[in-house]
Amino acid sequence: MISAAIVGLGWWGRTIVRELADSDRIRAVLGVDPDAECRHRAQALGIATAAGLQQALDTPGIDALVLCSPHRYHSAQIVAAAEAGKHVFCEKPFSTSCAEAEAALTAVRAAGLCLGVGHERRFEPAVVELRRRCASGDLGTLLAFEGNFSQDRFLALPADSWRLSRAEAPVGPLSATGVHLVDLALSIFGEPSEVWARLSTRATTFENGDTLSVTLAFPQGETAAITAILTTPFLGRICVLGSRGWMEIRDRSHPESPAGWDVTTTLRGSTPDVRFFPPHRAVRDNLERFADSIDGLAEYPVTTEEIRATVRVCDAIARSAASGAVEPVRSW
């Protein structure tokens, strides 16, 4: 059993505490947040709390930190954890800049520790099946990826929430939901060479935008078209189109409380195959795979290079959203 401290006890941090309550692989033993109200709400879930990170770093019985803190703190907290000999699971986005990401990755590698990242959508059974079929050649030559991940939960946030801040979350729809689709597109096609992004605030007062559209261009000619919106009621859809067929996944509910997925696959010359994939606790699955890597039972399935690539692409998206131009994906 891996003992973890949850750093950041807002909405998602408390979700993690609940997800791990019945896990036999990793448990939350301490919650860290400077906000007294957040600590109080976490205590109601039966977890001890602390106001500062140092207590988690100084406690010998804590094996790992799970970071659910604002994005700009991730890199420094990862470095501090590595220096204290703690494994780290970091919620997405991994970092707000390539330089900070490299500093964090270097610290973890130098300390010989394990690293996980909050790309839980990879662990949904329908996505696992999609990636398998793409790799097998069932869909023929892969041509395009389409994805939409929209939600209206942020409408309930106070106006001063860090999630709506241009400084704390510069491209709001990207860090909220769009990064999941970026990661999935990269997991199928590899790393793109250039991106074009358009960010706007159309229906809210969010200073970091409520509507994001992104096009990713890949070196071999594949394209990904991604949309993330923070005012439309929940919609989750992923589709990969190939020369012999296509496969589409539609979410029945927000991934926080999964209700399953409707999956349609159509191959040339056949009728559409429609299947239902039942709910799966992908958030807990991801964290338990992280725990397995700590115990040496299996390699963590999201590689360091994949983490790097997603940060590089998100950096290019942020630059394109600011410039309005097609921007290259820069190597480090």
C-alpha atoms as a PDB file:
ATOM      1  CA  MET A   1       0.000   0.000   0.000  1.00  0.00           C
ATOM      2  CA  ILE A   2       1.444   3.362  -1.076  1.00  0.00           C
ATOM      3  CA  SER A   3       0.769   6.247   1.311  1.00  0.00           C
ATOM      4  CA  ALA A   4       0.201   9.572  -0.439  1.00  0.00           C
ATOM      5  CA  ALA A   5      -0.278  13.207   0.466  1.00  0.00           C
ATOM      6  CA  ILE A   6      -2.832  15.067  -1.657  1.00  0.00           C
ATOM      7  CA  VAL A   7      -1.537  18.595  -2.305  1.00  0.00           C
ATOM      8  CA  GLY A   8      -4.420  20.931  -3.088  1.00  0.00           C
ATOM      9  CA  LEU A   9      -7.825  20.181  -1.559  1.00  0.00           C
ATOM     10  CA  GLY A  10     -10.154  21.998  -3.913  1.00  0.00           C
ATOM     11  CA  TRP A  11     -12.752  20.261  -6.090  1.00  0.00           C
ATOM     12  CA  TRP A  12     -10.334  17.872  -7.764  1.00  0.00           C
ATOM     13  CA  GLY A  13      -8.159  17.202  -4.726  1.00  0.00           C
ATOM     14  CA  ARG A  14     -11.208  16.083  -2.746  1.00  0.00           C
ATOM     15  CA  THR A  15     -12.299  13.984  -5.739  1.00  0.00           C
ATOM     16  CA  ILE A  16      -8.947  12.184  -5.546  1.00  0.00           C
ATOM     17  CA  VAL A  17      -9.400  11.582  -1.807  1.00  0.00           C
ATOM     18  CA  ARG A  18     -12.786   9.975  -2.480  1.00  0.00           C
ATOM     19  CA  GLU A  19     -11.447   7.909  -5.392  1.00  0.00           C
ATOM     20  CA  LEU A  20      -8.716   6.399  -3.222  1.00  0.00           C
ATOM     21  CA  ALA A  21     -10.922   5.682  -0.217  1.00  0.00           C
ATOM     22  CA  ASP A  22     -11.394   2.017  -1.166  1.00  0.00           C
ATOM     23  CA  SER A  23      -8.185   1.410  -3.107  1.00  0.00           C
ATOM     24  CA  ASP A  24      -5.973  -1.464  -1.976  1.00  0.00           C
ATOM     25  CA  ARG A  25      -2.945  -0.048  -3.821  1.00  0.00           C
ATOM     26  CA  ILE A  26      -2.666   3.625  -2.802  1.00  0.00           C
ATOM     27  CA  ARG A  27      -4.312   5.607   0.003  1.00  0.00           C
ATOM     28  CA  ALA A  28      -4.521   9.285   0.895  1.00  0.00           C
ATOM     29  CA  VAL A  29      -3.135   9.806   4.410  1.00  0.00           C
ATOM     30  CA  LEU A  30      -2.671  13.583   4.431  1.00  0.00           C
ATOM     31  CA  GLY A  31      -4.192  16.551   2.642  1.00  0.00           C
ATOM     32  CA  VAL A  32      -2.301  19.818   2.176  1.00  0.00           C
ATOM     33  CA  ASP A  33      -3.874  23.202   1.480  1.00  0.00           C
ATOM     34  CA  PRO A  34      -3.261  26.725   2.830  1.00  0.00           C
ATOM     35  CA  ASP A  35      -7.025  27.437   2.763  1.00  0.00           C
ATOM     36  CA  ALA A  36      -8.765  26.570   6.022  1.00  0.00           C
ATOM     37  CA  GLU A  37     -12.140  25.941   4.378  1.00  0.00           C
ATOM     38  CA  CYS A  38     -10.609  23.478   1.921  1.00  0.00           C
ATOM     39  CA  ARG A  39      -8.924  21.654   4.793  1.00  0.00           C
ATOM     40  CA  HIS A  40     -12.210  21.536   6.710  1.00  0.00           C
ATOM     41  CA  ARG A  41     -14.046  19.985   3.749  1.00  0.00           C
ATOM     42  CA  ALA A  42     -11.293  17.399   3.332  1.00  0.00           C
ATOM     43  CA  GLN A  43     -11.376  16.520   7.019  1.00  0.00           C
ATOM     44  CA  ALA A  44     -15.044  15.633   6.562  1.00  0.00           C
ATOM     45  CA  LEU A  45     -13.803  12.886   4.216  1.00  0.00           C
ATOM     46  CA  GLY A  46     -11.750  11.405   7.043  1.00  0.00           C
ATOM     47  CA  ILE A  47      -8.294  12.631   6.101  1.00  0.00           C
ATOM     48  CA  ALA A  48      -5.749  14.487   8.243  1.00  0.00           C
ATOM     49  CA  THR A  49      -4.687  17.863   6.885  1.00  0.00           C
ATOM     50  CA  ALA A  50      -1.837  20.352   6.987  1.00  0.00           C
ATOM     51  CA  ALA A  51      -1.536  23.962   5.883  1.00  0.00           C
ATOM     52  CA  GLY A  52       1.929  23.640   4.351  1.00  0.00           C
ATOM     53  CA  LEU A  53       3.776  21.320   1.983  1.00  0.00           C
ATOM     54  CA  GLN A  54       6.755  20.880   4.288  1.00  0.00           C
ATOM     55  CA  GLN A  55       4.848  18.578   6.654  1.00  0.00           C
ATOM     56  CA  ALA A  56       4.236  16.157   3.803  1.00  0.00           C
ATOM     57  CA  LEU A  57       7.879  16.360   2.719  1.00  0.00           C
ATOM     58  CA  ASP A  58       9.136  15.758   6.279  1.00  0.00           C
ATOM     59  CA  THR A  59       6.898  12.779   7.079  1.00  0.00           C
ATOM     60  CA  PRO A  60       8.851   9.508   6.543  1.00  0.00           C
ATOM     61  CA  GLY A  61       5.719   7.381   6.115  1.00  0.00           C
ATOM     62  CA  ILE A  62       4.520   9.317   3.079  1.00  0.00           C
ATOM     63  CA  ASP A  63       5.750   7.650  -0.105  1.00  0.00           C
ATOM     64  CA  ALA A  64       4.326  10.002  -2.724  1.00  0.00           C
ATOM     65  CA  LEU A  65       2.720  13.351  -3.392  1.00  0.00           C
ATOM     66  CA  VAL A  66      -0.350  13.749  -5.601  1.00  0.00           C
ATOM     67  CA  LEU A  67      -0.352  17.334  -6.860  1.00  0.00           C
ATOM     68  CA  CYS A  68      -3.776  18.940  -7.403  1.00  0.00           C
ATOM     69  CA  SER A  69      -2.455  22.438  -6.840  1.00  0.00           C
ATOM     70  CA  PRO A  70      -2.660  25.429  -9.219  1.00  0.00           C
ATOM     71  CA  HIS A  71      -0.593  24.828 -12.335  1.00  0.00           C
ATOM     72  CA  ARG A  72       2.146  27.373 -11.676  1.00  0.00           C
ATOM     73  CA  TYR A  73       3.205  25.552  -8.486  1.00  0.00           C
ATOM     74  CA  HIS A  74       3.690  22.150 -10.106  1.00  0.00           C
ATOM     75  CA  SER A  75       7.327  22.404 -11.162  1.00  0.00           C
ATOM     76  CA  ALA A  76       8.645  23.741  -7.838  1.00  0.00           C
ATOM     77  CA  GLN A  77       6.587  21.207  -5.891  1.00  0.00           C
ATOM     78  CA  ILE A  78       7.867  18.335  -8.045  1.00  0.00           C
ATOM     79  CA  VAL A  79      11.456  19.450  -7.488  1.00  0.00           C
ATOM     80  CA  ALA A  80      10.852  19.746  -3.718  1.00  0.00           C
ATOM     81  CA  ALA A  81       9.278  16.296  -3.622  1.00  0.00           C
ATOM     82  CA  ALA A  82      12.173  14.763  -5.551  1.00  0.00           C
ATOM     83  CA  GLU A  83      14.690  16.349  -3.206  1.00  0.00           C
ATOM     84  CA  ALA A  84      12.758  14.854  -0.281  1.00  0.00           C
ATOM     85  CA  GLY A  85      12.736  11.395  -1.871  1.00  0.00           C
ATOM     86  CA  LYS A  86       9.004  11.343  -2.621  1.00  0.00           C
ATOM     87  CA  HIS A  87       7.482   9.940  -5.791  1.00  0.00           C
ATOM     88  CA  VAL A  88       5.184  12.378  -7.609  1.00  0.00           C
ATOM     89  CA  PHE A  89       1.864  12.150  -9.415  1.00  0.00           C
ATOM     90  CA  CYS A  90       1.057  15.511 -11.020  1.00  0.00           C
ATOM     91  CA  GLU A  91      -2.347  16.576 -12.281  1.00  0.00           C
ATOM     92  CA  LYS A  92      -2.540  18.062 -15.738  1.00  0.00           C
ATOM     93  CA  PRO A  93      -1.255  20.311 -17.090  1.00  0.00           C
ATOM     94  CA  PHE A  94       2.140  19.020 -15.977  1.00  0.00           C
ATOM     95  CA  SER A  95       3.725  22.458 -16.224  1.00  0.00           C
ATOM     96  CA  THR A  96       3.065  25.941 -17.546  1.00  0.00           C
ATOM     97  CA  SER A  97       6.337  26.127 -19.498  1.00  0.00           C
ATOM     98  CA  CYS A  98       8.852  23.868 -21.169  1.00  0.00           C
ATOM     99  CA  ALA A  99      11.703  25.135 -18.987  1.00  0.00           C
ATOM    100  CA  GLU A 100       9.796  24.389 -15.784  1.00  0.00           C
ATOM    101  CA  ALA A 101       8.816  20.963 -17.056  1.00  0.00           C
ATOM    102  CA  GLU A 102      12.417  20.086 -17.860  1.00  0.00           C
ATOM    103  CA  ALA A 103      13.562  21.195 -14.389  1.00  0.00           C
ATOM    104  CA  ALA A 104      10.921  18.949 -12.820  1.00  0.00           C
ATOM    105  CA  LEU A 105      11.707  15.947 -15.037  1.00  0.00           C
ATOM    106  CA  THR A 106      15.427  16.340 -14.395  1.00  0.00           C
ATOM    107  CA  ALA A 107      14.905  16.386 -10.623  1.00  0.00           C
ATOM    108  CA  VAL A 108      12.764  13.236 -10.666  1.00  0.00           C
ATOM    109  CA  ARG A 109      15.182  11.395 -12.938  1.00  0.00           C
ATOM    110  CA  ALA A 110      18.211  12.391 -10.824  1.00  0.00           C
ATOM    111  CA  ALA A 111      16.492  11.112  -7.678  1.00  0.00           C
ATOM    112  CA  GLY A 112      15.520   7.810  -9.318  1.00  0.00           C
ATOM    113  CA  LEU A 113      11.844   8.281  -8.466  1.00  0.00           C
ATOM    114  CA  CYS A 114       8.582   7.447 -10.200  1.00  0.00           C
ATOM    115  CA  LEU A 115       6.389  10.000 -11.934  1.00  0.00           C
ATOM    116  CA  GLY A 116       2.717   9.896 -12.908  1.00  0.00           C
ATOM    117  CA  VAL A 117       0.468  12.399 -14.667  1.00  0.00           C
ATOM    118  CA  GLY A 118      -3.283  13.055 -14.623  1.00  0.00           C
ATOM    119  CA  HIS A 119      -4.081  11.852 -18.136  1.00  0.00           C
ATOM    120  CA  GLU A 120      -6.743   9.474 -16.847  1.00  0.00           C
ATOM    121  CA  ARG A 121      -8.643   9.397 -20.117  1.00  0.00           C
ATOM    122  CA  ARG A 122      -6.000   7.003 -21.458  1.00  0.00           C
ATOM    123  CA  PHE A 123      -7.283   4.470 -18.925  1.00  0.00           C
ATOM    124  CA  GLU A 124     -10.906   4.477 -20.077  1.00  0.00           C
ATOM    125  CA  PRO A 125     -11.659   1.061 -21.635  1.00  0.00           C
ATOM    126  CA  ALA A 126     -13.111   2.599 -24.802  1.00  0.00           C
ATOM    127  CA  VAL A 127      -9.961   4.685 -25.316  1.00  0.00           C
ATOM    128  CA  VAL A 128      -7.774   1.627 -24.665  1.00  0.00           C
ATOM    129  CA  GLU A 129      -9.725  -0.171 -27.401  1.00  0.00           C
ATOM    130  CA  LEU A 130      -9.446   2.813 -29.761  1.00  0.00           C
ATOM    131  CA  ARG A 131      -5.682   2.986 -29.375  1.00  0.00           C
ATOM    132  CA  ARG A 132      -5.398  -0.785 -29.858  1.00  0.00           C
ATOM    133  CA  ARG A 133      -7.378  -0.689 -33.102  1.00  0.00           C
ATOM    134  CA  CYS A 134      -5.416   2.292 -34.379  1.00  0.00           C
ATOM    135  CA  ALA A 135      -2.125   0.490 -33.697  1.00  0.00           C
ATOM    136  CA  SER A 136      -3.330  -2.775 -35.223  1.00  0.00           C
ATOM    137  CA  GLY A 137      -4.169  -1.225 -38.587  1.00  0.00           C
ATOM    138  CA  ASP A 138      -7.870  -2.119 -38.374  1.00  0.00           C
ATOM    139  CA  LEU A 139      -8.820   1.408 -39.463  1.00  0.00           C
ATOM    140  CA  GLY A 140      -6.280   1.478 -42.282  1.00  0.00           C
ATOM    141  CA  THR A 141      -3.990   4.469 -42.706  1.00  0.00           C
ATOM    142  CA  LEU A 142      -4.840   6.922 -39.942  1.00  0.00           C
ATOM    143  CA  LEU A 143      -5.959  10.283 -41.319  1.00  0.00           C
ATOM    144  CA  ALA A 144      -7.600  12.519 -38.727  1.00  0.00           C
ATOM    145  CA  PHE A 145      -8.540  12.847 -35.046  1.00  0.00           C
ATOM    146  CA  GLU A 146     -11.580  14.820 -33.920  1.00  0.00           C
ATOM    147  CA  GLY A 147     -12.264  15.648 -30.289  1.00  0.00           C
ATOM    148  CA  ASN A 148     -14.586  17.792 -28.202  1.00  0.00           C
ATOM    149  CA  PHE A 149     -14.531  18.064 -24.407  1.00  0.00           C
ATOM    150  CA  SER A 150     -16.879  20.775 -23.208  1.00  0.00           C
ATOM    151  CA  GLN A 151     -18.462  21.433 -19.825  1.00  0.00           C
ATOM    152  CA  ASP A 152     -20.235  24.209 -17.929  1.00  0.00           C
ATOM    153  CA  ARG A 153     -19.018  23.445 -14.381  1.00  0.00           C
ATOM    154  CA  PHE A 154     -16.823  26.530 -14.252  1.00  0.00           C
ATOM    155  CA  LEU A 155     -19.906  28.757 -14.412  1.00  0.00           C
ATOM    156  CA  ALA A 156     -20.395  27.988 -10.705  1.00  0.00           C
ATOM    157  CA  LEU A 157     -16.896  29.157  -9.743  1.00  0.00           C
ATOM    158  CA  PRO A 158     -16.392  32.494  -7.982  1.00  0.00           C
ATOM    159  CA  ALA A 159     -15.086  35.234 -10.247  1.00  0.00           C
ATOM    160  CA  ASP A 160     -11.736  35.274  -8.406  1.00  0.00           C
ATOM    161  CA  SER A 161     -11.101  31.518  -8.816  1.00  0.00           C
ATOM    162  CA  TRP A 162      -7.571  30.744  -9.975  1.00  0.00           C
ATOM    163  CA  ARG A 163      -9.049  28.497 -12.666  1.00  0.00           C
ATOM    164  CA  LEU A 164     -10.483  31.613 -14.377  1.00  0.00           C
ATOM    165  CA  SER A 165      -7.290  33.648 -14.074  1.00  0.00           C
ATOM    166  CA  ARG A 166      -5.224  34.581 -17.108  1.00  0.00           C
ATOM    167  CA  ALA A 167      -2.118  34.477 -14.905  1.00  0.00           C
ATOM    168  CA  GLU A 168      -2.844  31.130 -13.219  1.00  0.00           C
ATOM    169  CA  ALA A 169      -4.433  29.288 -16.181  1.00  0.00           C
ATOM    170  CA  PRO A 170      -3.517  31.312 -19.298  1.00  0.00           C
ATOM    171  CA  VAL A 171      -5.570  29.311 -21.837  1.00  0.00           C
ATOM    172  CA  GLY A 172      -8.452  28.244 -19.633  1.00  0.00           C
ATOM    173  CA  PRO A 173     -10.224  25.672 -21.839  1.00  0.00           C
ATOM    174  CA  LEU A 174      -6.889  24.021 -22.643  1.00  0.00           C
ATOM    175  CA  SER A 175      -5.831  23.384 -19.059  1.00  0.00           C
ATOM    176  CA  ALA A 176      -9.384  22.513 -17.990  1.00  0.00           C
ATOM    177  CA  THR A 177     -10.298  19.899 -20.615  1.00  0.00           C
ATOM    178  CA  GLY A 178      -8.502  20.401 -23.920  1.00  0.00           C
ATOM    179  CA  VAL A 179      -5.193  19.003 -22.660  1.00  0.00           C
ATOM    180  CA  HIS A 180      -6.806  15.557 -22.361  1.00  0.00           C
ATOM    181  CA  LEU A 181      -7.618  15.583 -26.072  1.00  0.00           C
ATOM    182  CA  VAL A 182      -4.148  16.847 -26.940  1.00  0.00           C
ATOM    183  CA  ASP A 183      -2.638  13.946 -25.001  1.00  0.00           C
ATOM    184  CA  LEU A 184      -4.914  11.400 -26.702  1.00  0.00           C
ATOM    185  CA  ALA A 185      -4.151  12.752 -30.179  1.00  0.00           C
ATOM    186  CA  LEU A 186      -0.422  12.539 -29.436  1.00  0.00           C
ATOM    187  CA  SER A 187      -0.788   9.014 -28.044  1.00  0.00           C
ATOM    188  CA  ILE A 188      -2.151   7.922 -31.437  1.00  0.00           C
ATOM    189  CA  PHE A 189      -0.275  10.089 -33.979  1.00  0.00           C
ATOM    190  CA  GLY A 190       2.910  11.065 -32.145  1.00  0.00           C
ATOM    191  CA  GLU A 191       4.098  14.666 -31.828  1.00  0.00           C
ATOM    192  CA  PRO A 192       2.789  17.340 -34.243  1.00  0.00           C
ATOM    193  CA  SER A 193       5.040  19.778 -36.034  1.00  0.00           C
ATOM    194  CA  GLU A 194       2.821  22.874 -35.833  1.00  0.00           C
ATOM    195  CA  VAL A 195      -0.437  24.127 -34.367  1.00  0.00           C
ATOM    196  CA  TRP A 196      -3.060  26.770 -34.932  1.00  0.00           C
ATOM    197  CA  ALA A 197      -5.303  27.853 -32.069  1.00  0.00           C
ATOM    198  CA  ARG A 198      -8.103  30.362 -31.576  1.00  0.00           C
ATOM    199  CA  LEU A 199      -9.138  31.381 -28.061  1.00  0.00           C
ATOM    200  CA  SER A 200     -12.091  33.660 -27.361  1.00  0.00           C
ATOM    201  CA  THR A 201     -14.456  34.721 -24.608  1.00  0.00           C
ATOM    202  CA  ARG A 202     -17.885  34.532 -26.196  1.00  0.00           C
ATOM    203  CA  ALA A 203     -20.455  33.799 -23.493  1.00  0.00           C
ATOM    204  CA  THR A 204     -18.842  34.499 -20.105  1.00  0.00           C
ATOM    205  CA  THR A 205     -16.589  36.999 -18.394  1.00  0.00           C
ATOM    206  CA  PHE A 206     -13.733  34.482 -18.034  1.00  0.00           C
ATOM    207  CA  GLU A 207     -10.549  36.437 -18.579  1.00  0.00           C
ATOM    208  CA  ASN A 208      -8.705  33.326 -19.781  1.00  0.00           C
ATOM    209  CA  GLY A 209     -11.307  32.428 -22.419  1.00  0.00           C
ATOM    210  CA  ASP A 210     -14.335  30.159 -22.661  1.00  0.00           C
ATOM    211  CA  THR A 211     -13.955  28.785 -26.209  1.00  0.00           C
ATOM    212  CA  LEU A 212     -10.882  27.133 -27.729  1.00  0.00           C
ATOM    213  CA  SER A 213     -10.397  25.528 -31.142  1.00  0.00           C
ATOM    214  CA  VAL A 214      -7.085  23.890 -32.048  1.00  0.00           C
ATOM    215  CA  THR A 215      -5.709  22.267 -35.190  1.00  0.00           C
ATOM    216  CA  LEU A 216      -2.627  20.067 -34.875  1.00  0.00           C
ATOM    217  CA  ALA A 217      -0.607  19.207 -37.987  1.00  0.00           C
ATOM    218  CA  PHE A 218       1.523  16.048 -37.846  1.00  0.00           C
ATOM    219  CA  PRO A 219       4.644  15.402 -39.947  1.00  0.00           C
ATOM    220  CA  GLN A 220       3.184  12.464 -41.905  1.00  0.00           C
ATOM    221  CA  GLY A 221       0.052  14.376 -42.884  1.00  0.00           C
ATOM    222  CA  GLU A 222      -2.403  13.478 -40.106  1.00  0.00           C
ATOM    223  CA  THR A 223      -4.526  16.259 -38.575  1.00  0.00           C
ATOM    224  CA  ALA A 224      -6.241  16.658 -35.205  1.00  0.00           C
ATOM    225  CA  ALA A 225      -9.141  19.090 -34.698  1.00  0.00           C
ATOM    226  CA  ILE A 226      -9.883  19.782 -31.025  1.00  0.00           C
ATOM    227  CA  THR A 227     -12.555  21.916 -29.361  1.00  0.00           C
ATOM    228  CA  ALA A 228     -12.853  22.745 -25.655  1.00  0.00           C
ATOM    229  CA  ILE A 229     -15.600  25.012 -24.315  1.00  0.00           C
ATOM    230  CA  LEU A 230     -16.320  26.105 -20.738  1.00  0.00           C
ATOM    231  CA  THR A 231     -19.964  27.184 -21.108  1.00  0.00           C
ATOM    232  CA  THR A 232     -21.607  24.440 -23.198  1.00  0.00           C
ATOM    233  CA  PRO A 233     -23.287  21.667 -21.155  1.00  0.00           C
ATOM    234  CA  PHE A 234     -21.149  18.554 -20.995  1.00  0.00           C
ATOM    235  CA  LEU A 235     -20.165  16.964 -24.281  1.00  0.00           C
ATOM    236  CA  GLY A 236     -17.380  14.439 -24.702  1.00  0.00           C
ATOM    237  CA  ARG A 237     -16.565  12.971 -28.100  1.00  0.00           C
ATOM    238  CA  ILE A 238     -13.499  11.409 -29.723  1.00  0.00           C
ATOM    239  CA  CYS A 239     -13.305  10.078 -33.272  1.00  0.00           C
ATOM    240  CA  VAL A 240     -10.419   8.693 -35.325  1.00  0.00           C
ATOM    241  CA  LEU A 241     -10.866   8.383 -39.091  1.00  0.00           C
ATOM    242  CA  GLY A 242      -8.775   6.072 -41.227  1.00  0.00           C
ATOM    243  CA  SER A 243      -8.633   4.948 -44.829  1.00  0.00           C
ATOM    244  CA  ARG A 244     -10.586   1.727 -44.085  1.00  0.00           C
ATOM    245  CA  GLY A 245     -12.889   2.869 -41.298  1.00  0.00           C
ATOM    246  CA  TRP A 246     -13.563   5.050 -38.305  1.00  0.00           C
ATOM    247  CA  MET A 247     -14.227   4.713 -34.580  1.00  0.00           C
ATOM    248  CA  GLU A 248     -16.107   7.186 -32.398  1.00  0.00           C
ATOM    249  CA  ILE A 249     -16.426   7.336 -28.596  1.00  0.00           C
ATOM    250  CA  ARG A 250     -19.192   9.351 -26.969  1.00  0.00           C
ATOM    251  CA  ASP A 251     -19.174   9.903 -23.201  1.00  0.00           C
ATOM    252  CA  ARG A 252     -22.481   9.466 -21.406  1.00  0.00           C
ATOM    253  CA  SER A 253     -21.377  11.729 -18.528  1.00  0.00           C
ATOM    254  CA  HIS A 254     -18.486  13.806 -17.218  1.00  0.00           C
ATOM    255  CA  PRO A 255     -15.445  11.580 -16.480  1.00  0.00           C
ATOM    256  CA  GLU A 256     -15.596  12.572 -12.793  1.00  0.00           C
ATOM    257  CA  SER A 257     -18.694  10.366 -12.466  1.00  0.00           C
ATOM    258  CA  PRO A 258     -18.486   7.997 -15.448  1.00  0.00           C
ATOM    259  CA  ALA A 259     -21.703   6.443 -16.764  1.00  0.00           C
ATOM    260  CA  GLY A 260     -20.059   4.566 -19.613  1.00  0.00           C
ATOM    261  CA  TRP A 261     -19.330   5.157 -23.284  1.00  0.00           C
ATOM    262  CA  ASP A 262     -21.176   4.552 -26.544  1.00  0.00           C
ATOM    263  CA  VAL A 263     -18.736   3.384 -29.201  1.00  0.00           C
ATOM    264  CA  THR A 264     -19.417   3.113 -32.923  1.00  0.00           C
ATOM    265  CA  THR A 265     -16.978   1.438 -35.305  1.00  0.00           C
ATOM    266  CA  THR A 266     -17.527   1.316 -39.053  1.00  0.00           C
ATOM    267  CA  LEU A 267     -15.251  -0.507 -41.493  1.00  0.00           C
ATOM    268  CA  ARG A 268     -15.587  -0.350 -45.256  1.00  0.00           C
ATOM    269  CA  GLY A 269     -18.097  -2.891 -46.505  1.00  0.00           C
ATOM    270  CA  SER A 270     -19.654  -3.552 -43.096  1.00  0.00           C
ATOM    271  CA  THR A 271     -22.539  -2.158 -41.097  1.00  0.00           C
ATOM    272  CA  PRO A 272     -21.769   0.074 -38.088  1.00  0.00           C
ATOM    273  CA  ASP A 273     -20.898  -1.858 -34.927  1.00  0.00           C
ATOM    274  CA  VAL A 274     -22.367  -0.057 -31.895  1.00  0.00           C
ATOM    275  CA  ARG A 275     -21.267  -1.120 -28.417  1.00  0.00           C
ATOM    276  CA  PHE A 276     -21.646   0.139 -24.871  1.00  0.00           C
ATOM    277  CA  PHE A 277     -18.618   0.196 -22.585  1.00  0.00           C
ATOM    278  CA  PRO A 278     -19.711   0.212 -18.915  1.00  0.00           C
ATOM    279  CA  PRO A 279     -18.408   2.732 -16.360  1.00  0.00           C
ATOM    280  CA  HIS A 280     -14.794   2.404 -15.277  1.00  0.00           C
ATOM    281  CA  ARG A 281     -12.918   4.292 -12.548  1.00  0.00           C
ATOM    282  CA  ALA A 282     -10.176   5.613 -14.783  1.00  0.00           C
ATOM    283  CA  VAL A 283      -8.981   8.216 -12.250  1.00  0.00           C
ATOM    284  CA  ARG A 284      -8.301   5.522  -9.645  1.00  0.00           C
ATOM    285  CA  ASP A 285      -6.904   3.169 -12.292  1.00  0.00           C
ATOM    286  CA  ASN A 286      -4.326   5.786 -13.285  1.00  0.00           C
ATOM    287  CA  LEU A 287      -3.246   6.334  -9.672  1.00  0.00           C
ATOM    288  CA  GLU A 288      -3.045   2.606  -9.001  1.00  0.00           C
ATOM    289  CA  ARG A 289      -0.831   2.135 -12.068  1.00  0.00           C
ATOM    290  CA  PHE A 290       1.375   4.867 -10.589  1.00  0.00           C
ATOM    291  CA  ALA A 291       1.477   2.887  -7.336  1.00  0.00           C
ATOM    292  CA  ASP A 292       2.406  -0.264  -9.260  1.00  0.00           C
ATOM    293  CA  SER A 293       5.370   1.575 -10.796  1.00  0.00           C
ATOM    294  CA  ILE A 294       6.579   2.593  -7.328  1.00  0.00           C
ATOM    295  CA  ASP A 295       6.418  -1.025  -6.174  1.00  0.00           C
ATOM    296  CA  GLY A 296       8.237  -2.208  -9.285  1.00  0.00           C
ATOM    297  CA  LEU A 297       5.308  -4.264 -10.526  1.00  0.00           C
ATOM    298  CA  ALA A 298       5.027  -2.552 -13.929  1.00  0.00           C
ATOM    299  CA  GLU A 299       6.265   0.445 -15.883  1.00  0.00           C
ATOM    300  CA  TYR A 300       3.994   3.479 -15.691  1.00  0.00           C
ATOM    301  CA  PRO A 301       2.288   3.609 -19.130  1.00  0.00           C
ATOM    302  CA  VAL A 302       2.725   7.343 -19.842  1.00  0.00           C
ATOM    303  CA  THR A 303       6.391   7.882 -20.653  1.00  0.00           C
ATOM    304  CA  THR A 304       8.546  10.845 -19.736  1.00  0.00           C
ATOM    305  CA  GLU A 305       8.916  11.697 -23.421  1.00  0.00           C
ATOM    306  CA  GLU A 306       5.137  11.702 -23.850  1.00  0.00           C
ATOM    307  CA  ILE A 307       4.853  14.102 -20.905  1.00  0.00           C
ATOM    308  CA  ARG A 308       7.478  16.321 -22.560  1.00  0.00           C
ATOM    309  CA  ALA A 309       5.665  16.236 -25.889  1.00  0.00           C
ATOM    310  CA  THR A 310       2.343  17.283 -24.381  1.00  0.00           C
ATOM    311  CA  VAL A 311       4.014  20.222 -22.617  1.00  0.00           C
ATOM    312  CA  ARG A 312       5.706  21.263 -25.873  1.00  0.00           C
ATOM    313  CA  VAL A 313       2.421  21.149 -27.775  1.00  0.00           C
ATOM    314  CA  CYS A 314       0.517  23.056 -25.075  1.00  0.00           C
ATOM    315  CA  ASP A 315       3.249  25.706 -25.158  1.00  0.00           C
ATOM    316  CA  ALA A 316       2.753  26.038 -28.929  1.00  0.00           C
ATOM    317  CA  ILE A 317      -1.036  26.247 -28.477  1.00  0.00           C
ATOM    318  CA  ALA A 318      -0.634  29.057 -25.943  1.00  0.00           C
ATOM    319  CA  ARG A 319       1.677  30.930 -28.317  1.00  0.00           C
ATOM    320  CA  SER A 320      -0.736  30.476 -31.212  1.00  0.00           C
ATOM    321  CA  ALA A 321      -3.730  31.584 -29.123  1.00  0.00           C
ATOM    322  CA  ALA A 322      -1.824  34.776 -28.312  1.00  0.00           C
ATOM    323  CA  SER A 323      -0.427  35.460 -31.791  1.00  0.00           C
ATOM    324  CA  GLY A 324      -3.272  34.194 -33.960  1.00  0.00           C
ATOM    325  CA  ALA A 325      -0.677  32.571 -36.209  1.00  0.00           C
ATOM    326  CA  VAL A 326       0.374  29.011 -36.935  1.00  0.00           C
ATOM    327  CA  GLU A 327       3.137  28.242 -34.438  1.00  0.00           C
ATOM    328  CA  PRO A 328       5.805  25.517 -34.587  1.00  0.00           C
ATOM    329  CA  VAL A 329       6.171  22.928 -31.860  1.00  0.00           C
ATOM    330  CA  ARG A 330       9.602  23.720 -30.501  1.00  0.00           C
ATOM    331  CA  SER A 331      12.083  21.135 -29.248  1.00  0.00           C
ATOM    332  CA  TRP A 332      13.766  21.769 -25.926  1.00  0.00           C
END
